[in-house]
Amino acid sequence: MVKDSKLYEQVVTICEEYLGPAGERFLQRQIHTHLHIEPENLKQKDIYALVDWACLSFALLTDDPAEVESFAESLLLITSTPKNKRLHGAATQ
């Protein structure tokens, strides 16, 4: 059974807004590779690390830093974390 499918669905929706149909596959790869969990087991506490890794990967796909920042902010809205609280390494907080 999916533990927090609503959270995962929210993240998928955001990824698909930026990456189109490839968004979910991109997200699954980030979660498996960097968080070492199944996507359906994604929890709020995982979001900071996911944002860090997903943004690094997304930055390789675009030359637009503003788009990367917008992507990060959209993901962080899920946690209601203000932009100024997210710095590199926020996953360790």
N, C-alpha and C. Protein backbone atom coordinates (compact mmCIF):
# COMPACT_ATOMS: atom_id res chain seq x y z
N MET A 1 0.84 -1.19 0.00
CA MET A 1 0.00 0.00 0.00
C MET A 1 0.88 1.25 0.00
N VAL A 2 0.50 2.23 -0.74
CA VAL A 2 1.23 3.49 -0.82
C VAL A 2 1.08 4.24 0.49
N LYS A 3 2.19 4.65 1.09
CA LYS A 3 2.15 5.31 2.40
C LYS A 3 1.67 6.74 2.31
N ASP A 4 2.18 7.50 1.38
CA ASP A 4 1.78 8.89 1.24
C ASP A 4 1.69 9.22 -0.24
N SER A 5 0.75 8.57 -0.90
CA SER A 5 0.65 8.74 -2.34
C SER A 5 0.35 10.18 -2.72
N LYS A 6 -0.32 10.90 -1.83
CA LYS A 6 -0.63 12.30 -2.13
C LYS A 6 0.65 13.13 -2.28
N LEU A 7 1.61 12.92 -1.41
CA LEU A 7 2.89 13.63 -1.50
C LEU A 7 3.59 13.28 -2.81
N TYR A 8 3.68 12.00 -3.11
CA TYR A 8 4.33 11.57 -4.35
C TYR A 8 3.62 12.17 -5.56
N GLU A 9 2.30 12.13 -5.56
CA GLU A 9 1.52 12.69 -6.67
C GLU A 9 1.78 14.19 -6.84
N GLN A 10 1.92 14.90 -5.74
CA GLN A 10 2.21 16.34 -5.80
C GLN A 10 3.56 16.58 -6.47
N VAL A 11 4.55 15.79 -6.09
CA VAL A 11 5.88 15.95 -6.65
C VAL A 11 5.88 15.58 -8.14
N VAL A 12 5.16 14.52 -8.49
CA VAL A 12 5.06 14.12 -9.90
C VAL A 12 4.44 15.25 -10.71
N THR A 13 3.39 15.84 -10.21
CA THR A 13 2.72 16.93 -10.92
C THR A 13 3.68 18.07 -11.21
N ILE A 14 4.47 18.43 -10.23
CA ILE A 14 5.45 19.51 -10.42
C ILE A 14 6.50 19.12 -11.44
N CYS A 15 7.03 17.91 -11.32
CA CYS A 15 8.05 17.46 -12.28
C CYS A 15 7.50 17.43 -13.70
N GLU A 16 6.25 17.02 -13.85
CA GLU A 16 5.65 16.99 -15.19
C GLU A 16 5.40 18.39 -15.74
N GLU A 17 5.18 19.36 -14.87
CA GLU A 17 5.03 20.74 -15.33
C GLU A 17 6.31 21.24 -15.99
N TYR A 18 7.44 20.81 -15.46
CA TYR A 18 8.73 21.26 -15.97
C TYR A 18 9.32 20.34 -17.03
N LEU A 19 9.03 19.05 -16.94
CA LEU A 19 9.67 18.08 -17.83
C LEU A 19 8.70 17.32 -18.74
N GLY A 20 7.44 17.67 -18.67
CA GLY A 20 6.45 16.99 -19.50
C GLY A 20 6.28 15.54 -19.08
N PRO A 21 5.96 14.67 -20.04
CA PRO A 21 5.70 13.27 -19.72
C PRO A 21 6.89 12.54 -19.10
N ALA A 22 8.08 13.06 -19.28
CA ALA A 22 9.28 12.42 -18.70
C ALA A 22 9.43 12.75 -17.21
N GLY A 23 8.59 13.62 -16.69
CA GLY A 23 8.71 14.07 -15.30
C GLY A 23 8.67 12.96 -14.28
N GLU A 24 7.73 12.03 -14.43
CA GLU A 24 7.64 10.96 -13.43
C GLU A 24 8.85 10.04 -13.49
N ARG A 25 9.29 9.71 -14.69
CA ARG A 25 10.48 8.85 -14.81
C ARG A 25 11.71 9.54 -14.22
N PHE A 26 11.85 10.84 -14.48
CA PHE A 26 12.94 11.64 -13.90
C PHE A 26 12.87 11.56 -12.37
N LEU A 27 11.69 11.76 -11.82
CA LEU A 27 11.50 11.73 -10.37
C LEU A 27 11.83 10.36 -9.79
N GLN A 28 11.34 9.33 -10.41
CA GLN A 28 11.61 7.97 -9.92
C GLN A 28 13.10 7.68 -9.90
N ARG A 29 13.79 8.11 -10.93
CA ARG A 29 15.24 7.90 -11.00
C ARG A 29 15.95 8.65 -9.87
N GLN A 30 15.53 9.89 -9.59
CA GLN A 30 16.13 10.66 -8.50
C GLN A 30 15.91 9.97 -7.16
N ILE A 31 14.70 9.50 -6.95
CA ILE A 31 14.36 8.87 -5.67
C ILE A 31 15.12 7.56 -5.49
N HIS A 32 15.13 6.73 -6.52
CA HIS A 32 15.85 5.45 -6.42
C HIS A 32 17.35 5.66 -6.24
N THR A 33 17.92 6.49 -7.09
CA THR A 33 19.37 6.65 -7.13
C THR A 33 19.93 7.38 -5.91
N HIS A 34 19.26 8.44 -5.49
CA HIS A 34 19.84 9.29 -4.46
C HIS A 34 19.24 9.10 -3.07
N LEU A 35 17.98 8.75 -3.01
CA LEU A 35 17.34 8.56 -1.70
C LEU A 35 17.29 7.10 -1.28
N HIS A 36 17.49 6.21 -2.24
CA HIS A 36 17.52 4.77 -1.97
C HIS A 36 16.22 4.26 -1.34
N ILE A 37 15.10 4.78 -1.83
CA ILE A 37 13.80 4.32 -1.38
C ILE A 37 12.91 4.12 -2.59
N GLU A 38 11.79 3.46 -2.40
CA GLU A 38 10.81 3.34 -3.45
C GLU A 38 10.02 4.65 -3.52
N PRO A 39 9.67 5.09 -4.71
CA PRO A 39 8.96 6.37 -4.84
C PRO A 39 7.71 6.48 -3.97
N GLU A 40 6.97 5.39 -3.85
CA GLU A 40 5.74 5.45 -3.05
C GLU A 40 6.01 5.58 -1.56
N ASN A 41 7.26 5.44 -1.15
CA ASN A 41 7.63 5.60 0.26
C ASN A 41 8.18 6.99 0.57
N LEU A 42 8.08 7.90 -0.39
CA LEU A 42 8.55 9.27 -0.21
C LEU A 42 7.81 9.93 0.95
N LYS A 43 8.57 10.57 1.83
CA LYS A 43 8.00 11.26 2.99
C LYS A 43 8.44 12.71 2.99
N GLN A 44 7.75 13.52 3.78
CA GLN A 44 8.09 14.94 3.89
C GLN A 44 9.57 15.14 4.20
N LYS A 45 10.11 14.32 5.08
CA LYS A 45 11.51 14.49 5.48
C LYS A 45 12.49 14.26 4.33
N ASP A 46 12.03 13.61 3.27
CA ASP A 46 12.88 13.33 2.10
C ASP A 46 12.91 14.48 1.10
N ILE A 47 12.01 15.41 1.22
CA ILE A 47 11.85 16.44 0.21
C ILE A 47 13.10 17.31 0.05
N TYR A 48 13.74 17.68 1.14
CA TYR A 48 14.92 18.55 1.03
C TYR A 48 16.04 17.89 0.22
N ALA A 49 16.33 16.64 0.51
CA ALA A 49 17.36 15.93 -0.24
C ALA A 49 16.91 15.75 -1.69
N LEU A 50 15.65 15.45 -1.89
CA LEU A 50 15.13 15.28 -3.24
C LEU A 50 15.28 16.58 -4.04
N VAL A 51 14.97 17.69 -3.44
CA VAL A 51 15.09 18.98 -4.13
C VAL A 51 16.55 19.24 -4.52
N ASP A 52 17.46 18.99 -3.61
CA ASP A 52 18.88 19.20 -3.92
C ASP A 52 19.31 18.37 -5.12
N TRP A 53 19.01 17.06 -5.09
CA TRP A 53 19.42 16.17 -6.17
C TRP A 53 18.67 16.46 -7.46
N ALA A 54 17.37 16.66 -7.37
CA ALA A 54 16.57 16.91 -8.58
C ALA A 54 17.02 18.20 -9.27
N CYS A 55 17.34 19.21 -8.49
CA CYS A 55 17.77 20.48 -9.08
C CYS A 55 19.14 20.37 -9.74
N LEU A 56 20.02 19.60 -9.13
CA LEU A 56 21.32 19.37 -9.78
C LEU A 56 21.12 18.69 -11.13
N SER A 57 20.28 17.69 -11.15
CA SER A 57 20.02 16.97 -12.40
C SER A 57 19.27 17.84 -13.40
N PHE A 58 18.29 18.59 -12.92
CA PHE A 58 17.51 19.46 -13.80
C PHE A 58 18.40 20.54 -14.42
N ALA A 59 19.37 21.02 -13.66
CA ALA A 59 20.28 22.05 -14.16
C ALA A 59 21.10 21.55 -15.35
N LEU A 60 21.31 20.24 -15.41
CA LEU A 60 22.04 19.68 -16.55
C LEU A 60 21.18 19.66 -17.81
N LEU A 61 19.87 19.81 -17.64
CA LEU A 61 18.94 19.77 -18.77
C LEU A 61 18.57 21.14 -19.31
N THR A 62 18.92 22.18 -18.57
CA THR A 62 18.56 23.54 -19.00
C THR A 62 19.70 24.50 -18.71
N ASP A 63 19.78 25.53 -19.51
CA ASP A 63 20.79 26.58 -19.30
C ASP A 63 20.19 27.78 -18.58
N ASP A 64 18.97 27.62 -18.06
CA ASP A 64 18.25 28.73 -17.46
C ASP A 64 18.22 28.60 -15.93
N PRO A 65 19.10 29.32 -15.23
CA PRO A 65 19.13 29.23 -13.77
C PRO A 65 17.80 29.63 -13.13
N ALA A 66 17.09 30.55 -13.76
CA ALA A 66 15.79 30.97 -13.21
C ALA A 66 14.79 29.81 -13.25
N GLU A 67 14.87 28.99 -14.28
CA GLU A 67 13.98 27.83 -14.39
C GLU A 67 14.32 26.80 -13.30
N VAL A 68 15.59 26.62 -13.03
CA VAL A 68 16.00 25.69 -11.97
C VAL A 68 15.51 26.21 -10.62
N GLU A 69 15.65 27.49 -10.38
CA GLU A 69 15.19 28.09 -9.12
C GLU A 69 13.67 27.96 -8.99
N SER A 70 12.96 28.19 -10.06
CA SER A 70 11.51 28.05 -10.05
C SER A 70 11.10 26.61 -9.74
N PHE A 71 11.81 25.67 -10.32
CA PHE A 71 11.58 24.24 -10.07
C PHE A 71 11.77 23.94 -8.58
N ALA A 72 12.87 24.41 -8.02
CA ALA A 72 13.15 24.19 -6.59
C ALA A 72 12.07 24.81 -5.72
N GLU A 73 11.69 26.03 -6.02
CA GLU A 73 10.66 26.71 -5.23
C GLU A 73 9.33 25.97 -5.30
N SER A 74 8.99 25.48 -6.48
CA SER A 74 7.74 24.73 -6.63
C SER A 74 7.75 23.47 -5.78
N LEU A 75 8.88 22.78 -5.78
CA LEU A 75 8.98 21.57 -4.96
C LEU A 75 8.94 21.90 -3.47
N LEU A 76 9.59 22.98 -3.10
CA LEU A 76 9.63 23.35 -1.68
C LEU A 76 8.29 23.85 -1.16
N LEU A 77 7.43 24.31 -2.04
CA LEU A 77 6.10 24.73 -1.60
C LEU A 77 5.34 23.58 -0.95
N ILE A 78 5.69 22.37 -1.34
CA ILE A 78 5.05 21.19 -0.74
C ILE A 78 5.31 21.16 0.76
N THR A 79 6.47 21.64 1.18
CA THR A 79 6.83 21.61 2.60
C THR A 79 6.55 22.94 3.28
N SER A 80 6.11 23.92 2.53
CA SER A 80 5.88 25.28 3.04
C SER A 80 7.16 25.89 3.59
N THR A 81 8.29 25.55 2.97
CA THR A 81 9.58 26.08 3.37
C THR A 81 9.90 27.32 2.54
N PRO A 82 10.12 28.46 3.19
CA PRO A 82 10.48 29.66 2.43
C PRO A 82 11.79 29.48 1.68
N LYS A 83 11.91 30.15 0.57
CA LYS A 83 13.10 30.07 -0.28
C LYS A 83 14.39 30.31 0.50
N ASN A 84 14.40 31.28 1.39
CA ASN A 84 15.64 31.62 2.09
C ASN A 84 16.07 30.55 3.09
N LYS A 85 15.23 29.57 3.40
CA LYS A 85 15.60 28.49 4.29
C LYS A 85 16.31 27.37 3.54
N ARG A 86 16.18 27.35 2.21
CA ARG A 86 16.77 26.28 1.43
C ARG A 86 18.10 26.74 0.86
N LEU A 87 19.15 26.18 1.35
CA LEU A 87 20.48 26.43 0.82
C LEU A 87 21.08 25.08 0.50
N HIS A 88 22.13 25.06 -0.26
CA HIS A 88 22.80 23.79 -0.51
C HIS A 88 23.13 23.14 0.82
N GLY A 89 22.80 21.88 0.90
CA GLY A 89 23.03 21.17 2.16
C GLY A 89 21.84 21.21 3.08
N ALA A 90 20.72 21.77 2.65
CA ALA A 90 19.53 21.83 3.50
C ALA A 90 19.05 20.45 3.88
N ALA A 91 19.43 19.46 3.10
CA ALA A 91 19.00 18.10 3.40
C ALA A 91 19.57 17.60 4.71
N THR A 92 20.61 18.22 5.20
CA THR A 92 21.23 17.77 6.44
C THR A 92 20.63 18.42 7.65
N GLN A 93 19.72 19.36 7.45
CA GLN A 93 19.11 20.05 8.59
C GLN A 93 18.12 19.17 9.29
